[in-house]
C-alpha cells in the first residue's frame, strides 16, 4: 500500500465527476495491484436498501461514498488552498516522517 496517503489526510480529487472536491480520506483498500481510497463527500453513489417487514424496516435509498483510485487524488493544504507533493525525511529524533514540499512542514 502507498505510504504517502494515510487515513484522515486532507486530499483533493483531481480527475472524474467529483473533480475539485476536497476532504479527508475515510477508507483505504488494496485491490489487486492498485490502491483505492474513499474521500468524504466525493464519488457519491446510490445504494438501494430492501425493505424488511419482519423488523419493521422500510426500504430506502442511501447516498454513500465510492472508492477512487489513489492516482486520482492529491494532498491538499487547506491554509494555502493548494495541492502539494509529499516527501520523506528524518526528524530530529531519527524517525522517518512525511513533509509538505511546498511549505517544508511536516504532514500530521
N, C-alpha and C. Protein backbone atom coordinates (compact mmCIF):
# COMPACT_ATOMS: atom_id res chain seq x y z
N UNK A 1 0.83 -1.20 0.00
CA UNK A 1 0.00 0.00 0.00
C UNK A 1 0.87 1.25 0.00
N UNK A 2 0.29 2.33 -0.46
CA UNK A 2 1.02 3.58 -0.54
C UNK A 2 1.28 4.15 0.84
N UNK A 3 2.48 4.58 1.08
CA UNK A 3 2.83 5.17 2.37
C UNK A 3 2.57 6.67 2.39
N UNK A 4 2.32 7.25 1.22
CA UNK A 4 2.13 8.70 1.16
C UNK A 4 0.75 9.13 1.64
N UNK A 5 -0.26 8.28 1.49
CA UNK A 5 -1.61 8.63 1.91
C UNK A 5 -2.00 7.80 3.13
N UNK A 6 -2.52 8.46 4.14
CA UNK A 6 -2.98 7.78 5.34
C UNK A 6 -4.39 8.25 5.66
N UNK A 7 -5.07 7.53 6.55
CA UNK A 7 -6.41 7.92 6.96
C UNK A 7 -6.40 9.33 7.52
N UNK A 8 -7.46 10.08 7.25
CA UNK A 8 -7.68 11.45 7.70
C UNK A 8 -6.76 12.48 7.05
N UNK A 9 -5.96 12.09 6.05
CA UNK A 9 -5.21 13.08 5.28
C UNK A 9 -6.20 13.89 4.44
N UNK A 10 -5.99 15.19 4.35
CA UNK A 10 -6.87 16.04 3.55
C UNK A 10 -6.40 15.99 2.10
N UNK A 11 -7.27 15.56 1.19
CA UNK A 11 -6.89 15.40 -0.22
C UNK A 11 -7.87 16.12 -1.13
N UNK A 12 -7.44 16.29 -2.38
CA UNK A 12 -8.24 16.92 -3.42
C UNK A 12 -8.40 15.92 -4.55
N UNK A 13 -9.63 15.74 -5.03
CA UNK A 13 -9.88 14.85 -6.17
C UNK A 13 -9.51 15.61 -7.43
N UNK A 14 -8.64 15.02 -8.27
CA UNK A 14 -8.10 15.72 -9.43
C UNK A 14 -8.75 15.32 -10.75
N UNK A 15 -9.39 14.15 -10.81
CA UNK A 15 -9.96 13.64 -12.06
C UNK A 15 -11.30 12.99 -11.76
N UNK A 16 -12.23 13.08 -12.72
CA UNK A 16 -13.51 12.39 -12.59
C UNK A 16 -14.66 13.34 -12.36
N UNK A 17 -15.83 12.78 -12.10
CA UNK A 17 -17.01 13.63 -11.94
C UNK A 17 -17.00 14.39 -10.62
N UNK A 18 -16.16 13.98 -9.68
CA UNK A 18 -16.02 14.70 -8.40
C UNK A 18 -14.79 15.59 -8.40
N UNK A 19 -14.32 15.97 -9.56
CA UNK A 19 -13.11 16.80 -9.67
C UNK A 19 -13.30 18.10 -8.89
N UNK A 20 -12.29 18.43 -8.08
CA UNK A 20 -12.34 19.66 -7.31
C UNK A 20 -12.86 19.50 -5.90
N UNK A 21 -13.38 18.33 -5.56
CA UNK A 21 -13.90 18.08 -4.22
C UNK A 21 -12.72 17.77 -3.30
N UNK A 22 -12.70 18.42 -2.13
CA UNK A 22 -11.65 18.12 -1.17
C UNK A 22 -12.27 17.64 0.13
N UNK A 23 -11.53 16.80 0.84
CA UNK A 23 -12.00 16.26 2.11
C UNK A 23 -11.02 15.23 2.64
N UNK A 24 -11.30 14.72 3.83
CA UNK A 24 -10.40 13.73 4.43
C UNK A 24 -10.61 12.33 3.85
N UNK A 25 -9.57 11.52 3.89
CA UNK A 25 -9.68 10.12 3.48
C UNK A 25 -10.35 9.36 4.61
N UNK A 26 -11.44 8.62 4.29
CA UNK A 26 -12.15 7.87 5.33
C UNK A 26 -11.92 6.37 5.24
N UNK A 27 -11.36 5.88 4.12
CA UNK A 27 -11.06 4.46 3.99
C UNK A 27 -10.02 4.25 2.91
N UNK A 28 -9.17 3.23 3.12
CA UNK A 28 -8.16 2.84 2.14
C UNK A 28 -8.24 1.34 1.96
N UNK A 29 -8.22 0.86 0.71
CA UNK A 29 -8.21 -0.59 0.49
C UNK A 29 -7.35 -0.93 -0.71
N UNK A 30 -6.73 -2.09 -0.64
CA UNK A 30 -5.88 -2.57 -1.72
C UNK A 30 -6.69 -3.53 -2.58
N UNK A 31 -6.70 -3.31 -3.90
CA UNK A 31 -7.42 -4.14 -4.84
C UNK A 31 -6.42 -4.60 -5.89
N UNK A 32 -6.07 -5.88 -5.85
CA UNK A 32 -5.08 -6.47 -6.76
C UNK A 32 -3.80 -5.64 -6.74
N UNK A 33 -3.50 -4.94 -7.84
CA UNK A 33 -2.25 -4.20 -7.94
C UNK A 33 -2.42 -2.71 -7.64
N UNK A 34 -3.63 -2.25 -7.36
CA UNK A 34 -3.84 -0.83 -7.14
C UNK A 34 -4.38 -0.56 -5.73
N UNK A 35 -4.36 0.68 -5.35
CA UNK A 35 -4.87 1.10 -4.05
C UNK A 35 -6.01 2.07 -4.29
N UNK A 36 -7.11 1.90 -3.56
CA UNK A 36 -8.28 2.76 -3.70
C UNK A 36 -8.53 3.49 -2.38
N UNK A 37 -9.08 4.69 -2.46
CA UNK A 37 -9.39 5.47 -1.26
C UNK A 37 -10.83 5.98 -1.35
N UNK A 38 -11.44 6.21 -0.17
CA UNK A 38 -12.74 6.85 -0.09
C UNK A 38 -12.51 8.24 0.48
N UNK A 39 -13.00 9.25 -0.22
CA UNK A 39 -12.89 10.63 0.23
C UNK A 39 -14.28 11.10 0.63
N UNK A 40 -14.38 11.77 1.76
CA UNK A 40 -15.68 12.21 2.26
C UNK A 40 -16.36 13.12 1.25
N UNK A 41 -17.60 12.82 0.94
CA UNK A 41 -18.49 13.54 0.01
C UNK A 41 -17.96 13.61 -1.43
N UNK A 42 -17.17 12.61 -1.85
CA UNK A 42 -16.72 12.52 -3.23
C UNK A 42 -17.14 11.18 -3.82
N UNK A 43 -17.43 11.14 -5.11
CA UNK A 43 -17.86 9.93 -5.82
C UNK A 43 -19.09 9.31 -5.13
N UNK A 44 -20.11 10.12 -4.91
CA UNK A 44 -21.32 9.66 -4.23
C UNK A 44 -22.10 8.69 -5.11
N UNK A 45 -22.51 7.57 -4.52
CA UNK A 45 -23.26 6.54 -5.21
C UNK A 45 -24.54 6.24 -4.43
N UNK A 46 -25.56 5.74 -5.12
CA UNK A 46 -26.83 5.42 -4.50
C UNK A 46 -26.90 3.92 -4.23
N UNK A 47 -27.13 3.56 -2.98
CA UNK A 47 -27.34 2.17 -2.60
C UNK A 47 -28.80 1.99 -2.22
N UNK A 48 -29.43 0.97 -2.79
CA UNK A 48 -30.84 0.69 -2.52
C UNK A 48 -30.93 -0.38 -1.45
N UNK A 49 -31.59 -0.05 -0.33
CA UNK A 49 -31.76 -0.98 0.78
C UNK A 49 -33.16 -1.56 0.69
N UNK A 50 -33.22 -2.88 0.68
CA UNK A 50 -34.50 -3.57 0.56
C UNK A 50 -35.29 -3.48 1.87
N UNK A 51 -36.61 -3.43 1.77
CA UNK A 51 -37.46 -3.39 2.95
C UNK A 51 -37.42 -4.74 3.67
N UNK A 52 -37.53 -4.71 5.00
CA UNK A 52 -37.55 -5.91 5.81
C UNK A 52 -38.76 -5.83 6.74
N UNK A 53 -39.91 -6.42 6.33
CA UNK A 53 -41.13 -6.29 7.13
C UNK A 53 -41.04 -7.02 8.48
N UNK A 54 -40.16 -8.01 8.60
CA UNK A 54 -40.03 -8.72 9.87
C UNK A 54 -39.45 -7.82 10.96
N UNK A 55 -38.63 -6.88 10.58
CA UNK A 55 -38.04 -5.95 11.54
C UNK A 55 -38.64 -4.56 11.44
N UNK A 56 -39.77 -4.44 10.73
CA UNK A 56 -40.46 -3.16 10.51
C UNK A 56 -39.50 -2.09 9.96
N UNK A 57 -38.72 -2.50 9.00
CA UNK A 57 -37.76 -1.60 8.39
C UNK A 57 -38.19 -1.30 6.96
N UNK A 58 -38.36 -0.03 6.65
CA UNK A 58 -38.78 0.37 5.31
C UNK A 58 -37.58 0.38 4.36
N UNK A 59 -37.87 0.22 3.08
CA UNK A 59 -36.82 0.31 2.08
C UNK A 59 -36.39 1.77 1.92
N UNK A 60 -35.16 1.97 1.49
CA UNK A 60 -34.68 3.34 1.33
C UNK A 60 -33.54 3.40 0.32
N UNK A 61 -33.21 4.62 -0.07
CA UNK A 61 -32.06 4.88 -0.93
C UNK A 61 -31.03 5.64 -0.10
N UNK A 62 -29.81 5.12 -0.07
CA UNK A 62 -28.75 5.76 0.70
C UNK A 62 -27.69 6.30 -0.25
N UNK A 63 -27.17 7.46 0.06
CA UNK A 63 -26.04 8.02 -0.68
C UNK A 63 -24.78 7.69 0.11
N UNK A 64 -23.85 6.98 -0.53
CA UNK A 64 -22.59 6.60 0.11
C UNK A 64 -21.42 6.95 -0.80
N UNK A 65 -20.25 7.13 -0.19
CA UNK A 65 -19.05 7.43 -0.96
C UNK A 65 -18.54 6.16 -1.63
N UNK A 66 -18.04 6.30 -2.84
CA UNK A 66 -17.43 5.18 -3.54
C UNK A 66 -15.91 5.32 -3.52
N UNK A 67 -15.23 4.24 -3.87
CA UNK A 67 -13.77 4.25 -3.87
C UNK A 67 -13.25 4.93 -5.14
N UNK A 68 -12.12 5.63 -5.00
CA UNK A 68 -11.44 6.32 -6.09
C UNK A 68 -10.01 5.80 -6.13
N UNK A 69 -9.46 5.64 -7.33
CA UNK A 69 -8.07 5.20 -7.44
C UNK A 69 -7.14 6.24 -6.83
N UNK A 70 -6.11 5.77 -6.19
CA UNK A 70 -5.20 6.66 -5.46
C UNK A 70 -4.47 7.63 -6.38
N UNK A 71 -4.36 7.29 -7.66
CA UNK A 71 -3.69 8.19 -8.61
C UNK A 71 -4.55 9.40 -8.95
N UNK A 72 -5.82 9.38 -8.57
CA UNK A 72 -6.73 10.47 -8.90
C UNK A 72 -6.94 11.45 -7.75
N UNK A 73 -6.13 11.35 -6.71
CA UNK A 73 -6.21 12.30 -5.59
C UNK A 73 -4.82 12.87 -5.32
N UNK A 74 -4.79 14.04 -4.71
CA UNK A 74 -3.54 14.69 -4.35
C UNK A 74 -3.70 15.32 -2.96
N UNK A 75 -2.61 15.39 -2.20
CA UNK A 75 -2.67 16.04 -0.90
C UNK A 75 -3.09 17.50 -1.10
N UNK A 76 -3.82 18.05 -0.12
CA UNK A 76 -4.36 19.40 -0.24
C UNK A 76 -4.09 20.16 1.04
N UNK A 77 -3.52 21.35 0.92
CA UNK A 77 -3.25 22.21 2.07
C UNK A 77 -4.40 23.21 2.19
N UNK A 78 -5.18 23.11 3.26
CA UNK A 78 -6.35 23.96 3.42
C UNK A 78 -5.95 25.41 3.65
N UNK A 79 -4.87 25.64 4.40
CA UNK A 79 -4.44 27.01 4.69
C UNK A 79 -3.95 27.74 3.44
N UNK A 80 -3.20 27.04 2.60
CA UNK A 80 -2.65 27.63 1.38
C UNK A 80 -3.62 27.55 0.20
N UNK A 81 -4.65 26.71 0.31
CA UNK A 81 -5.60 26.43 -0.78
C UNK A 81 -4.88 25.93 -2.03
N UNK A 82 -3.88 25.05 -1.81
CA UNK A 82 -3.12 24.48 -2.91
C UNK A 82 -2.90 23.00 -2.64
N UNK A 83 -2.73 22.24 -3.73
CA UNK A 83 -2.32 20.86 -3.56
C UNK A 83 -0.81 20.81 -3.51
N UNK A 84 -0.29 19.75 -2.89
CA UNK A 84 1.16 19.68 -2.73
C UNK A 84 1.65 18.25 -2.82
N UNK A 85 2.94 18.10 -3.03
CA UNK A 85 3.58 16.80 -3.04
C UNK A 85 4.22 16.57 -1.68
N UNK A 86 4.34 15.29 -1.34
CA UNK A 86 4.96 14.94 -0.06
C UNK A 86 6.30 14.28 -0.30
N UNK A 87 7.16 14.42 0.68
CA UNK A 87 8.45 13.76 0.66
C UNK A 87 8.70 13.11 2.00
N UNK A 88 9.77 12.37 2.11
CA UNK A 88 10.12 11.71 3.36
C UNK A 88 11.48 12.21 3.82
N UNK A 89 11.61 12.39 5.11
CA UNK A 89 12.89 12.75 5.71
C UNK A 89 12.88 12.32 7.17
N UNK A 90 14.04 12.36 7.79
CA UNK A 90 14.15 12.01 9.20
C UNK A 90 14.07 13.29 10.02
N UNK A 91 13.30 13.22 11.13
CA UNK A 91 13.23 14.38 12.01
C UNK A 91 14.39 14.35 13.02
N UNK A 92 14.37 15.21 14.00
CA UNK A 92 15.48 15.33 14.95
C UNK A 92 15.72 14.05 15.75
N UNK A 93 14.65 13.31 16.03
CA UNK A 93 14.79 12.09 16.82
C UNK A 93 15.14 10.87 15.96
N UNK A 94 15.27 11.06 14.64
CA UNK A 94 15.65 9.97 13.75
C UNK A 94 14.48 9.19 13.19
N UNK A 95 13.25 9.66 13.43
CA UNK A 95 12.06 8.98 12.92
C UNK A 95 11.74 9.47 11.50
N UNK A 96 11.36 8.55 10.62
CA UNK A 96 11.01 8.89 9.24
C UNK A 96 9.62 9.53 9.24
N UNK A 97 9.52 10.75 8.70
CA UNK A 97 8.25 11.49 8.68
C UNK A 97 7.97 12.00 7.27
N UNK A 98 6.70 12.29 7.01
CA UNK A 98 6.30 12.89 5.74
C UNK A 98 6.31 14.41 5.90
N UNK A 99 6.67 15.12 4.82
CA UNK A 99 6.64 16.57 4.89
C UNK A 99 6.08 17.16 3.60
N UNK A 100 5.55 18.37 3.72
CA UNK A 100 4.98 19.11 2.62
C UNK A 100 6.11 19.78 1.86
N UNK A 101 6.31 19.44 0.59
CA UNK A 101 7.41 20.01 -0.18
C UNK A 101 7.15 21.48 -0.54
N UNK A 102 5.90 21.93 -0.47
CA UNK A 102 5.56 23.31 -0.79
C UNK A 102 5.95 24.25 0.35
N UNK A 103 5.60 23.88 1.59
CA UNK A 103 5.88 24.73 2.74
C UNK A 103 7.00 24.22 3.61
N UNK A 104 7.52 23.03 3.31
CA UNK A 104 8.61 22.41 4.06
C UNK A 104 8.22 22.12 5.52
N UNK A 105 6.94 21.82 5.77
CA UNK A 105 6.47 21.48 7.12
C UNK A 105 6.05 20.01 7.14
N UNK A 106 6.06 19.43 8.33
CA UNK A 106 5.66 18.02 8.49
C UNK A 106 4.16 17.86 8.27
N UNK A 107 3.78 16.74 7.67
CA UNK A 107 2.38 16.40 7.47
C UNK A 107 1.96 15.52 8.64
N UNK A 108 0.91 15.90 9.33
CA UNK A 108 0.49 15.13 10.50
C UNK A 108 -0.24 13.87 10.12
